[in-house]
Protein backbone atom coordinates (compact mmCIF):
# COMPACT_ATOMS: atom_id res chain seq x y z
CA MET A 1 -83.42 44.65 9.97
CA PRO A 2 -83.98 48.45 10.22
CA PRO A 3 -80.72 50.60 9.81
CA ILE A 4 -81.04 51.97 13.36
CA SER A 5 -80.97 48.30 14.85
CA ARG A 6 -77.99 47.31 12.58
CA ASN A 7 -75.89 50.34 13.73
CA LEU A 8 -76.87 49.81 17.44
CA GLY A 9 -75.67 46.26 17.00
CA LEU A 10 -72.40 47.19 15.52
CA PHE A 11 -71.83 49.84 18.25
CA VAL A 12 -72.41 47.30 21.06
CA ALA A 13 -69.86 44.79 19.31
CA LEU A 14 -67.39 47.67 19.01
CA MET A 15 -67.61 48.45 22.68
CA VAL A 16 -67.26 44.92 23.96
CA SER A 17 -64.13 44.58 21.69
CA ALA A 18 -62.77 47.59 23.15
CA ALA A 19 -63.46 46.39 26.79
CA CYS A 20 -61.85 43.09 25.99
CA SER A 21 -58.62 44.96 24.80
CA LYS A 22 -58.39 47.01 27.86
CA VAL A 23 -58.73 43.93 29.97
CA ALA A 24 -55.88 42.21 28.03
CA ALA A 25 -53.83 45.31 28.36
CA ASP A 26 -54.31 45.59 31.97
CA ASP A 27 -53.51 41.89 32.47
CA SER A 28 -50.14 42.49 30.69
CA THR A 29 -49.19 45.45 32.81
CA ASN A 30 -50.21 43.77 36.08
CA PRO A 31 -47.12 42.32 37.71
CA ALA A 32 -49.11 39.54 39.31
CA SER A 33 -50.50 38.35 36.01
CA PRO A 34 -49.29 34.97 34.62
CA SER A 35 -48.30 36.61 31.25
CA ALA A 36 -46.09 39.07 33.04
CA VAL A 37 -44.38 36.22 34.86
CA GLN A 38 -43.79 34.36 31.74
CA ALA A 39 -42.40 37.45 29.95
CA ARG A 40 -39.70 37.83 32.79
CA GLU A 41 -38.61 34.11 32.62
CA LEU A 42 -35.09 33.73 31.48
CA PRO A 43 -34.41 31.52 28.51
CA LYS A 44 -33.12 28.01 29.21
CA VAL A 45 -29.90 26.75 27.67
CA ARG A 46 -27.97 23.59 27.68
CA THR A 47 -24.31 23.98 28.52
CA THR A 48 -21.21 21.79 28.18
CA VAL A 49 -17.76 22.15 29.68
CA VAL A 50 -14.57 23.26 27.75
CA ARG A 51 -11.98 20.62 27.94
CA ARG A 52 -8.37 20.00 27.27
CA GLU A 53 -7.12 17.09 25.13
CA ASP A 54 -5.01 16.28 22.10
CA MET A 55 -6.51 16.96 18.62
CA HIS A 56 -5.29 15.32 15.60
CA ARG A 57 -5.44 16.43 11.91
CA VAL A 58 -6.73 13.49 10.06
CA LEU A 59 -6.75 13.13 6.26
CA GLU A 60 -9.52 10.71 5.07
CA THR A 61 -9.46 8.78 1.78
CA THR A 62 -10.57 5.57 0.31
CA ALA A 63 -8.39 3.00 -1.57
CA PRO A 64 -8.63 -0.80 -2.25
CA VAL A 65 -6.30 -3.41 -0.63
CA GLU A 66 -3.62 -4.98 -2.87
CA SER A 67 -1.31 -7.80 -2.41
CA VAL A 68 2.44 -6.94 -2.70
CA ALA A 69 2.74 -10.14 -4.55
CA GLU A 70 -0.14 -11.28 -6.91
CA ILE A 71 1.30 -13.53 -9.46
CA ASP A 72 -0.10 -15.37 -12.59
CA VAL A 73 1.61 -18.83 -12.78
CA VAL A 74 1.89 -19.74 -16.39
CA ALA A 75 2.77 -22.95 -18.21
CA GLU A 76 6.35 -23.06 -19.26
CA ALA A 77 5.75 -26.15 -21.44
CA SER A 78 3.10 -27.56 -23.59
CA GLY A 79 1.41 -30.72 -22.74
CA ARG A 80 -1.47 -32.74 -21.43
CA VAL A 81 -2.33 -32.22 -17.72
CA LEU A 82 -1.78 -35.40 -15.86
CA SER A 83 -2.86 -34.26 -12.27
CA VAL A 84 -3.91 -31.12 -10.34
CA LYS A 85 -2.44 -30.85 -6.80
CA ALA A 86 -3.98 -27.48 -5.64
CA GLN A 87 -7.42 -26.08 -5.44
CA GLU A 88 -8.87 -22.50 -5.21
CA GLY A 89 -8.48 -21.16 -1.57
CA GLN A 90 -5.77 -23.58 -0.73
CA GLU A 91 -2.66 -22.29 1.07
CA VAL A 92 0.53 -23.48 -0.43
CA ASP A 93 4.39 -23.11 0.28
CA ALA A 94 6.88 -21.74 -2.12
CA ASN A 95 8.10 -24.33 -4.75
CA ALA A 96 4.82 -26.54 -3.95
CA LEU A 97 3.60 -28.71 -6.84
CA LEU A 98 0.46 -27.36 -8.25
CA ALA A 99 -0.06 -29.51 -11.37
CA ARG A 100 1.97 -32.08 -13.36
CA LEU A 101 2.13 -32.48 -17.17
CA ASP A 102 2.87 -35.33 -19.40
CA ASP A 103 6.64 -35.60 -19.13
CA ARG A 104 7.49 -38.88 -21.09
CA ASP A 105 9.17 -37.01 -24.15
CA GLN A 106 11.19 -35.00 -21.67
CA LYS A 107 12.41 -37.94 -19.90
CA VAL A 108 13.57 -39.44 -23.12
CA ALA A 109 15.39 -36.41 -24.13
CA LEU A 110 17.10 -36.31 -20.76
CA ALA A 111 18.29 -39.89 -21.08
CA ASP A 112 19.59 -39.30 -24.56
CA ALA A 113 21.46 -36.29 -23.21
CA ASN A 114 22.96 -38.44 -20.39
CA VAL A 115 24.20 -40.97 -23.00
CA ALA A 116 25.76 -38.17 -24.88
CA VAL A 117 27.66 -37.07 -21.87
CA ALA A 118 29.02 -40.61 -21.29
CA GLU A 119 30.15 -40.70 -24.96
CA ALA A 120 31.91 -37.28 -24.56
CA GLU A 121 33.52 -38.52 -21.46
CA ALA A 122 34.86 -41.40 -23.09
CA ALA A 123 36.23 -39.38 -26.01
CA LEU A 124 37.94 -37.13 -23.76
CA GLU A 125 39.54 -39.95 -22.10
CA ARG A 126 40.85 -41.27 -25.54
CA SER A 127 42.13 -37.89 -26.22
CA LYS A 128 44.05 -37.70 -23.06
CA ILE A 129 45.54 -41.14 -23.64
CA ALA A 130 46.59 -40.17 -27.18
CA GLY A 131 48.19 -37.09 -25.72
CA GLN A 132 50.19 -39.07 -23.22
CA GLU A 133 51.31 -41.45 -25.97
CA ALA A 134 52.44 -38.41 -28.12
CA ILE A 135 54.38 -37.03 -25.00
CA ALA A 136 56.03 -40.61 -24.71
CA ARG A 137 57.01 -40.55 -28.47
CA THR A 138 58.46 -37.14 -28.14
CA ARG A 139 60.65 -38.32 -25.23
CA THR A 140 61.89 -41.34 -27.26
CA ALA A 141 62.55 -39.00 -30.28
CA ARG A 142 64.54 -36.76 -28.09
CA LEU A 143 66.68 -39.55 -26.85
CA ALA A 144 67.25 -40.89 -30.33
CA LEU A 145 68.33 -37.57 -31.53
CA ASP A 146 70.78 -37.19 -28.68
CA GLN A 147 72.32 -40.51 -29.47
CA ALA A 148 72.65 -39.57 -33.20
CA ALA A 149 74.32 -36.39 -32.38
CA ARG A 150 76.84 -38.06 -30.21
CA ASP A 151 77.49 -40.77 -32.80
CA TYR A 152 77.93 -38.05 -35.58
CA LYS A 153 80.32 -36.13 -33.28
CA ARG A 154 82.41 -39.26 -32.31
CA ASN A 155 82.76 -40.39 -36.06
CA GLU A 156 83.74 -36.88 -37.04
CA ASP A 157 86.54 -36.67 -34.48
CA LEU A 158 87.92 -39.99 -35.51
CA ALA A 159 87.93 -39.06 -39.14
CA ALA A 160 89.71 -35.84 -38.48
CA GLY A 161 92.78 -37.56 -36.69
CA GLU A 162 93.21 -40.16 -39.38
CA ALA A 163 94.60 -40.25 -43.02
CA THR A 164 91.93 -39.88 -45.52
CA ASN A 165 90.09 -43.27 -45.56
CA PRO A 166 86.97 -43.81 -47.57
CA LEU A 167 85.59 -45.99 -44.79
CA SER A 168 85.81 -43.27 -42.02
CA GLU A 169 84.22 -40.70 -44.52
CA GLN A 170 81.41 -43.09 -45.10
CA ALA A 171 80.77 -43.58 -41.44
CA VAL A 172 80.59 -39.84 -40.86
CA GLU A 173 78.01 -39.43 -43.55
CA ALA A 174 75.97 -42.28 -42.08
CA SER A 175 76.14 -40.86 -38.65
CA ARG A 176 75.09 -37.30 -39.98
CA LEU A 177 72.21 -38.82 -41.79
CA ALA A 178 71.13 -40.62 -38.60
CA ARG A 179 71.35 -37.44 -36.61
CA ASP A 180 69.15 -35.62 -39.27
CA ASN A 181 66.62 -38.31 -39.29
CA ALA A 182 66.32 -38.39 -35.52
CA ASP A 183 65.79 -34.57 -35.49
CA GLU A 184 62.92 -34.84 -38.13
CA ALA A 185 61.34 -37.73 -36.06
CA LEU A 186 61.38 -35.33 -33.01
CA LYS A 187 59.66 -32.64 -34.93
CA GLN A 188 57.02 -35.18 -35.96
CA THR A 189 56.49 -36.36 -32.48
CA LEU A 190 56.03 -32.67 -31.29
CA LEU A 191 53.43 -31.96 -33.87
CA ALA A 192 51.56 -35.18 -32.88
CA GLU A 193 51.86 -34.04 -29.22
CA SER A 194 50.27 -30.70 -30.12
CA ARG A 195 47.57 -32.32 -32.02
CA ALA A 196 46.68 -34.54 -29.03
CA THR A 197 46.59 -31.48 -26.87
CA VAL A 198 44.04 -29.79 -29.24
CA ASP A 199 41.98 -32.97 -29.37
CA THR A 200 41.76 -33.20 -25.68
CA ARG A 201 40.58 -29.71 -25.40
CA SER A 202 37.94 -30.34 -28.20
CA ALA A 203 36.89 -33.36 -26.32
CA ASP A 204 36.57 -31.44 -23.23
CA ALA A 205 34.38 -28.90 -25.00
CA ALA A 206 32.19 -31.64 -26.38
CA LEU A 207 31.67 -32.96 -22.90
CA ASP A 208 30.67 -29.51 -21.59
CA ARG A 209 28.24 -29.31 -24.50
CA ALA A 210 26.71 -32.74 -23.54
CA LYS A 211 26.44 -31.60 -20.04
CA LEU A 212 24.45 -28.52 -21.07
CA SER A 213 22.33 -30.73 -23.05
CA VAL A 214 21.48 -32.66 -19.77
CA GLU A 215 20.80 -29.38 -18.02
CA ARG A 216 18.52 -28.37 -20.86
CA ALA A 217 16.80 -31.70 -20.81
CA THR A 218 16.54 -31.47 -16.93
CA ARG A 219 14.91 -28.04 -17.24
CA ASP A 220 12.42 -29.08 -19.80
CA LEU A 221 11.46 -32.04 -17.43
CA GLU A 222 11.13 -29.53 -14.66
CA ARG A 223 8.81 -27.29 -16.74
CA THR A 224 6.32 -30.34 -16.90
CA ARG A 225 5.90 -29.62 -13.01
CA ILE A 226 3.91 -26.46 -12.45
CA THR A 227 5.12 -25.17 -9.07
CA ALA A 228 4.35 -22.05 -6.69
CA PRO A 229 6.97 -19.43 -7.08
CA ILE A 230 5.94 -17.89 -3.70
CA ALA A 231 4.07 -19.07 -0.58
CA GLY A 232 0.44 -17.71 -0.81
CA VAL A 233 -3.21 -18.79 -1.53
CA VAL A 234 -4.40 -20.10 -4.74
CA ALA A 235 -6.78 -17.42 -6.05
CA THR A 236 -7.88 -19.07 -9.24
CA ARG A 237 -7.21 -22.38 -10.96
CA SER A 238 -7.60 -22.44 -14.83
CA VAL A 239 -6.51 -26.09 -15.62
CA GLU A 240 -8.21 -29.52 -15.38
CA PRO A 241 -6.76 -33.07 -15.72
CA GLY A 242 -6.66 -34.34 -19.08
CA ARG A 243 -6.74 -30.89 -20.82
CA ASN A 244 -3.92 -29.59 -22.91
CA LEU A 245 -1.97 -26.55 -21.75
CA THR A 246 -0.08 -24.37 -24.36
CA LEU A 247 3.14 -22.50 -23.44
CA GLY A 248 2.54 -19.29 -21.70
CA GLN A 249 -1.08 -20.21 -20.75
CA VAL A 250 -2.24 -18.91 -17.16
CA ALA A 251 -2.71 -22.02 -15.03
CA PHE A 252 -3.05 -20.58 -11.48
CA GLN A 253 -3.05 -17.19 -9.79
CA LEU A 254 -1.36 -16.94 -6.43
CA THR A 255 -1.94 -14.17 -3.77
CA ASP A 256 0.36 -13.40 -0.85
CA LEU A 257 -2.18 -12.52 1.98
CA GLU A 258 0.46 -11.75 4.48
CA HIS A 259 2.02 -8.83 2.74
CA LEU A 260 -0.64 -6.26 1.85
CA ARG A 261 -0.46 -2.75 0.78
CA VAL A 262 -2.67 0.23 -0.29
CA ILE A 263 -1.90 2.94 -2.85
CA PHE A 264 -3.79 6.28 -2.80
CA PHE A 265 -3.25 9.73 -4.20
CA ARG A 266 -3.37 13.14 -2.63
CA PRO A 267 -3.38 16.70 -4.04
CA GLN A 268 0.06 18.28 -4.56
CA ARG A 269 -0.93 21.01 -1.74
CA GLU A 270 -0.58 18.18 0.82
CA LEU A 271 3.07 17.06 -0.63
CA ASN A 272 4.92 18.66 2.29
CA LEU A 273 2.87 16.76 4.84
CA PHE A 274 4.10 13.39 3.49
CA THR A 275 7.68 14.47 2.87
CA ALA A 276 8.60 16.13 6.05
CA GLY A 277 10.21 13.00 7.43
CA ASP A 278 7.76 12.55 10.29
CA GLU A 279 6.27 9.19 10.90
CA LEU A 280 2.66 9.33 9.88
CA PRO A 281 0.32 6.78 11.80
CA LEU A 282 -2.29 5.29 9.53
CA THR A 283 -5.46 3.22 10.39
CA ALA A 284 -8.14 1.83 8.27
CA THR A 285 -11.70 0.51 8.38
CA SER A 286 -13.78 -1.50 5.98
CA GLU A 287 -17.55 -2.17 5.36
CA ALA A 288 -16.46 -5.84 4.85
CA ARG A 289 -15.17 -6.00 8.48
CA PRO A 290 -17.43 -3.74 10.52
CA GLY A 291 -16.21 -2.74 13.93
CA PHE A 292 -12.50 -3.81 13.17
CA THR A 293 -9.60 -1.42 12.93
CA PHE A 294 -6.58 -2.05 10.80
CA THR A 295 -3.12 -0.18 11.23
CA GLY A 296 -0.38 0.43 8.73
CA GLU A 297 2.52 2.80 7.96
CA ILE A 298 3.54 4.80 4.97
CA GLU A 299 6.35 3.19 3.09
CA ARG A 300 7.05 5.69 0.45
CA THR A 301 5.91 8.84 -1.35
CA SER A 302 6.27 9.55 -4.96
CA PRO A 303 8.60 12.28 -5.61
CA THR A 304 6.68 13.35 -8.72
CA ILE A 305 3.39 14.99 -9.43
CA ASP A 306 0.94 13.54 -12.07
CA ARG A 307 0.60 16.25 -14.67
CA ALA A 308 -3.07 15.19 -15.52
CA SER A 309 -4.44 15.14 -12.00
CA GLY A 310 -2.05 17.16 -10.11
CA ALA A 311 -1.82 14.53 -7.41
CA PHE A 312 1.18 12.46 -6.13
CA ARG A 313 1.22 8.63 -5.14
CA ILE A 314 1.53 7.22 -1.77
CA THR A 315 2.14 3.67 -0.97
CA ALA A 316 1.45 2.23 2.47
CA HIS A 317 1.99 -1.21 4.18
CA LEU A 318 -0.90 -2.71 6.05
CA ASP A 319 -1.14 -5.16 8.93
CA PRO A 320 -3.34 -8.01 7.48
CA LEU A 321 -5.00 -8.58 10.84
CA GLY A 322 -7.21 -6.11 12.49
CA SER A 323 -8.74 -6.10 16.01
CA ARG A 324 -12.22 -4.97 17.55
CA GLU A 325 -11.78 -2.42 20.31
CA GLY A 326 -12.18 -4.03 23.74
CA THR A 327 -12.12 -7.66 22.59
CA ASP A 328 -9.76 -10.25 21.33
CA GLU A 329 -11.41 -10.71 18.10
CA GLN A 330 -9.38 -10.45 14.97
CA ALA A 331 -10.37 -10.15 11.25
CA ARG A 332 -8.31 -10.53 8.04
CA LEU A 333 -8.10 -8.16 5.14
CA LEU A 334 -8.25 -9.60 1.68
CA PRO A 335 -6.98 -8.15 -1.56
CA GLY A 336 -9.82 -6.06 -3.24
CA MET A 337 -11.44 -4.95 0.03
CA LEU A 338 -12.25 -1.13 -0.12
CA LEU A 339 -10.76 0.69 2.85
CA ARG A 340 -11.33 4.09 4.42
CA LEU A 341 -7.97 5.33 5.35
CA PHE A 342 -7.14 7.86 8.17
CA VAL A 343 -3.79 9.37 8.14
CA VAL A 344 -2.85 11.58 11.12
CA THR A 345 -0.59 14.40 9.67
CA GLY A 346 -0.55 16.70 12.71
CA VAL A 347 -1.10 16.80 16.55
CA HIS A 348 -1.95 19.69 18.85
CA LYS A 349 -1.18 18.73 22.45
CA ASP A 350 -3.30 19.77 25.33
CA THR A 351 -5.61 22.19 23.40
CA LEU A 352 -9.02 23.52 24.10
CA VAL A 353 -11.72 21.39 22.72
CA VAL A 354 -15.44 21.99 22.51
CA PRO A 355 -18.37 20.24 20.62
CA LYS A 356 -18.86 21.59 17.10
CA ARG A 357 -22.50 22.31 18.17
CA ALA A 358 -21.18 24.89 20.61
CA VAL A 359 -19.48 27.15 18.01
CA ARG A 360 -21.51 29.93 16.40
CA ARG A 361 -20.98 31.95 13.59
CA GLU A 362 -22.07 35.47 12.25
CA GLY A 363 -20.80 35.93 8.77
CA SER A 364 -17.07 35.58 9.11
CA ASN A 365 -17.06 35.82 13.10
CA VAL A 366 -16.78 32.72 14.90
CA TYR A 367 -17.41 32.71 18.69
CA VAL A 368 -18.77 30.73 21.78
CA LEU A 369 -21.11 31.83 24.50
CA SER A 370 -19.54 31.45 27.87
CA VAL A 371 -21.96 31.32 30.82
CA GLU A 372 -20.74 33.21 33.99
CA ASP A 373 -23.13 34.12 36.81
CA ALA A 374 -26.20 33.09 34.78
CA HIS A 375 -25.25 35.55 31.96
CA VAL A 376 -23.74 34.67 28.54
CA ARG A 377 -20.59 36.27 27.39
CA LYS A 378 -19.46 36.23 23.71
CA ILE A 379 -15.84 35.02 23.24
CA PRO A 380 -14.55 35.29 19.68
CA VAL A 381 -12.35 32.17 18.84
CA THR A 382 -10.40 30.62 15.93
CA GLU A 383 -10.86 27.03 14.96
CA GLY A 384 -8.18 24.53 14.61
CA TYR A 385 -8.18 20.82 14.08
CA ALA A 386 -11.57 19.19 14.04
CA SER A 387 -13.00 15.57 14.50
CA ASP A 388 -16.51 14.37 13.71
CA ASP A 389 -17.99 15.83 16.90
CA ASP A 390 -15.28 18.15 18.32
CA VAL A 391 -13.18 21.19 17.22
CA GLU A 392 -10.15 22.83 18.55
CA ILE A 393 -10.60 26.47 19.57
CA THR A 394 -8.36 29.40 20.62
CA PRO A 395 -9.74 32.53 22.13
CA THR A 396 -8.65 35.58 20.13
CA GLU A 397 -6.35 38.29 21.54
CA GLY A 398 -7.76 40.10 24.58
CA HIS A 399 -10.38 37.29 25.53
CA GLU A 400 -9.94 34.45 27.91
CA LEU A 401 -11.27 30.83 28.08
CA ASP A 402 -9.80 27.94 29.70
CA ALA A 403 -10.70 24.26 30.54
CA GLY A 404 -13.79 23.71 32.81
CA ALA A 405 -15.54 26.85 31.55
CA ASN A 406 -19.43 26.47 30.73
CA ILE A 407 -20.38 27.18 27.27
CA VAL A 408 -23.81 27.23 25.60
CA LEU A 409 -24.27 23.89 23.72
CA VAL A 410 -28.02 24.33 22.96
CA GLY A 411 -30.47 27.20 22.97
CA SER A 412 -28.05 30.10 21.91
CA ARG A 413 -30.36 31.30 19.39
CA ASP A 414 -31.18 35.06 19.62
CA LEU A 415 -28.82 35.41 22.71
CA GLU A 416 -26.83 38.53 22.88
CA ASP A 417 -23.72 39.24 24.89
CA GLY A 418 -24.79 39.91 28.45
CA ASP A 419 -28.15 38.27 28.28
CA GLY A 420 -29.35 36.28 31.33
CA VAL A 421 -29.98 32.57 31.03
CA GLN A 422 -31.07 29.51 32.99
CA GLU A 423 -28.74 26.45 32.83
CA ASP A 424 -30.51 23.20 31.93
CA LYS A 425 -28.34 20.33 33.21
CA GLN A 426 -30.76 17.74 31.78
CA GLU A 427 -28.84 15.21 29.57
CA ASP A 428 -31.92 13.37 28.14
CA LYS A 429 -30.91 12.08 24.82
CA ALA A 430 -34.59 12.16 23.55
CA THR A 431 -34.66 15.96 24.06
CA ASN A 432 -31.25 16.38 22.62
CA GLU A 433 -32.15 15.68 19.19
CA PRO A 434 -34.54 18.52 18.50
CA ASP A 435 -32.08 20.81 20.27
CA LYS A 436 -29.40 19.61 18.08
CA ALA A 437 -31.35 20.32 14.91
CA GLU A 438 -32.20 23.82 16.24
CA SER A 439 -28.48 24.22 17.00
CA ASP A 440 -27.23 23.09 13.69
CA LYS A 441 -29.80 25.35 11.85
CA ALA A 442 -28.64 28.32 13.83
CA THR A 443 -25.00 27.51 13.19
CA THR A 444 -25.40 27.14 9.41
CA ALA A 445 -27.91 29.90 8.98
CA GLY A 446 -25.71 32.66 10.76
CA SER A 447 -26.74 36.18 11.16
CA THR A 448 -29.43 36.08 8.34
CA GLU A 449 -31.42 33.61 10.40
CA SER A 450 -31.04 35.67 13.51
CA GLU A 451 -32.42 38.74 11.61
CA SER A 452 -35.48 36.81 10.39
CA ALA A 453 -36.22 35.47 13.85
CA LYS A 454 -36.07 39.06 15.37
CA ALA A 455 -38.60 40.10 12.66
CA THR A 456 -41.00 37.52 13.68
CA PRO A 457 -42.89 39.37 16.56
CA ALA A 458 -44.33 41.98 14.08
CA GLU A 459 -46.47 39.28 12.60
CA PRO A 460 -49.26 39.36 15.25
CA GLU A 461 -49.58 43.13 15.01
CA SER A 462 -50.49 42.80 11.35
CA ALA A 463 -52.68 40.04 12.07
CA LYS A 464 -54.39 42.14 14.78
CA ALA A 465 -54.82 44.94 12.08
CA GLU A 466 -56.44 42.61 9.79
CA ARG A 467 -58.81 41.48 12.67
C-alpha cells in the first residue's frame, strides 16, 4: 500500500475514535442519559433492628463423662467358678450375687470352727462348776476354822481355872492343832477358788477365740460368693464357669450410671469466675446424642493451680438424662462420651444486642452504621458479651443508640458517615449468603480493604491509555 493511503487510513481511524469519545462524553454529561441516572442511584443496604435482651458470657470446653463410682470387683478367694449370675449390660442391685466359687473347703472349715466353739463352751461350763465347788469348800473350811477356834478357846479357859492336870493340857494342845489345821485348810480352799476363777477366764477366752474362728470361716465362705458392692450396670465380665480364679483377679467391672460427673481444667486467669461464690449454670451437648441438651452444676473447684499447666481443676455433677427442646424425648449419658460444656459465668441484663455482621472495624475502631432519613451515621461502640451470631454493644460517650434503631447489616462497604442509602427490606435467604460473605470480608479486612476498593476506579483509565 502507498504511504499516502496508509496515512490517510490512520487519520480516518483517529477521527472516528475521537468522535466516539465525544459522543460517550456527551452521554455521560447528559442528565437524561441512562448512565447518568445509574451514577445518581443510591447504594442499597440491608438493615436490621437493634434489640434489647440478656447476654451471657459463656465458657466452652470439652471433657469426657465419668461415673462417680466405677469399681473393679475382684475375687477375694481362690477357687473354681461354679456359676455366673450376671452378664455385661445387666443392671444389678447392691449386694446382688454375680458369681459363685467352689465352697466345699470353706464349709468344712466353718463346721470345724462351730465344733470348736461347742467344746470351748463345755470347757467354760466345767470351769464355772469347778469354781462353784471351790467356793463351797472355802465356805466349809471357814466353818471348820471357826469351830476349831471356839474349841481351842474353851479348852484354854478350862485349863486356866483348874489345877495343873496333864489331861487338860493335852486337850488344849489338841484343840490348838485342830485350829491351825482348819486355818491351813481354809488357805488351800481359797487358792483352789482363785485357780478356778482363772480357769474360768481362760475358758471364756478360749470360747471367744473359737467364735472368732467361726466368724473367720464364715467370712471365707462368703468370699466364695462374688457380690456387687454398689448398684449399677455390669460394664465388663472376666469370668467363665469352670475356670479358676486367683485372689485379687478382676472378675467384673461395675459402673453407676445414675451418678455422673465431668472433670475439666481452666486457665488460672479464670479462677475468680469459679470461686466468687455465684452459682454457675452448666449445660452440655454430645455428638453421640445429637439434638439433646444435658444440665449440671459445678460441685467443687480445686484451690490449687497445677504448676506444669497453670490450670485448675473443676468437678461438675451431671444429670444423666437430657431432653430435646420442644419434645418429650429423653436420652441418657454414658461414661466415656465426649461432651461440649457451656458454663455461664456472667449475665448482662437488658443490653443492646446486634448481629456480629453489623459491626464494622477500621483498625482499632469499632462502629455500626445507623440509618436515619436514608442516610448512614457512624456510631462508635464497644463490644461486650458475644454469642455465635450476636454481640453486645455499648455506644461510646457522646453517641446515642437505642433498641429499635435501624443499622446496616449488609452493604456497608465503602460507605462513609452521611452517605445516602436505600434500605432493602428483602430477607431472601438465598441472597443473604453472598451478602454475608461480602460483609464478613469487609469486617475482617478493615481499612486496608477499603483503601484498595477506593483505588479500583483508576484501573479503567490505565486500560484506556493502553488502548
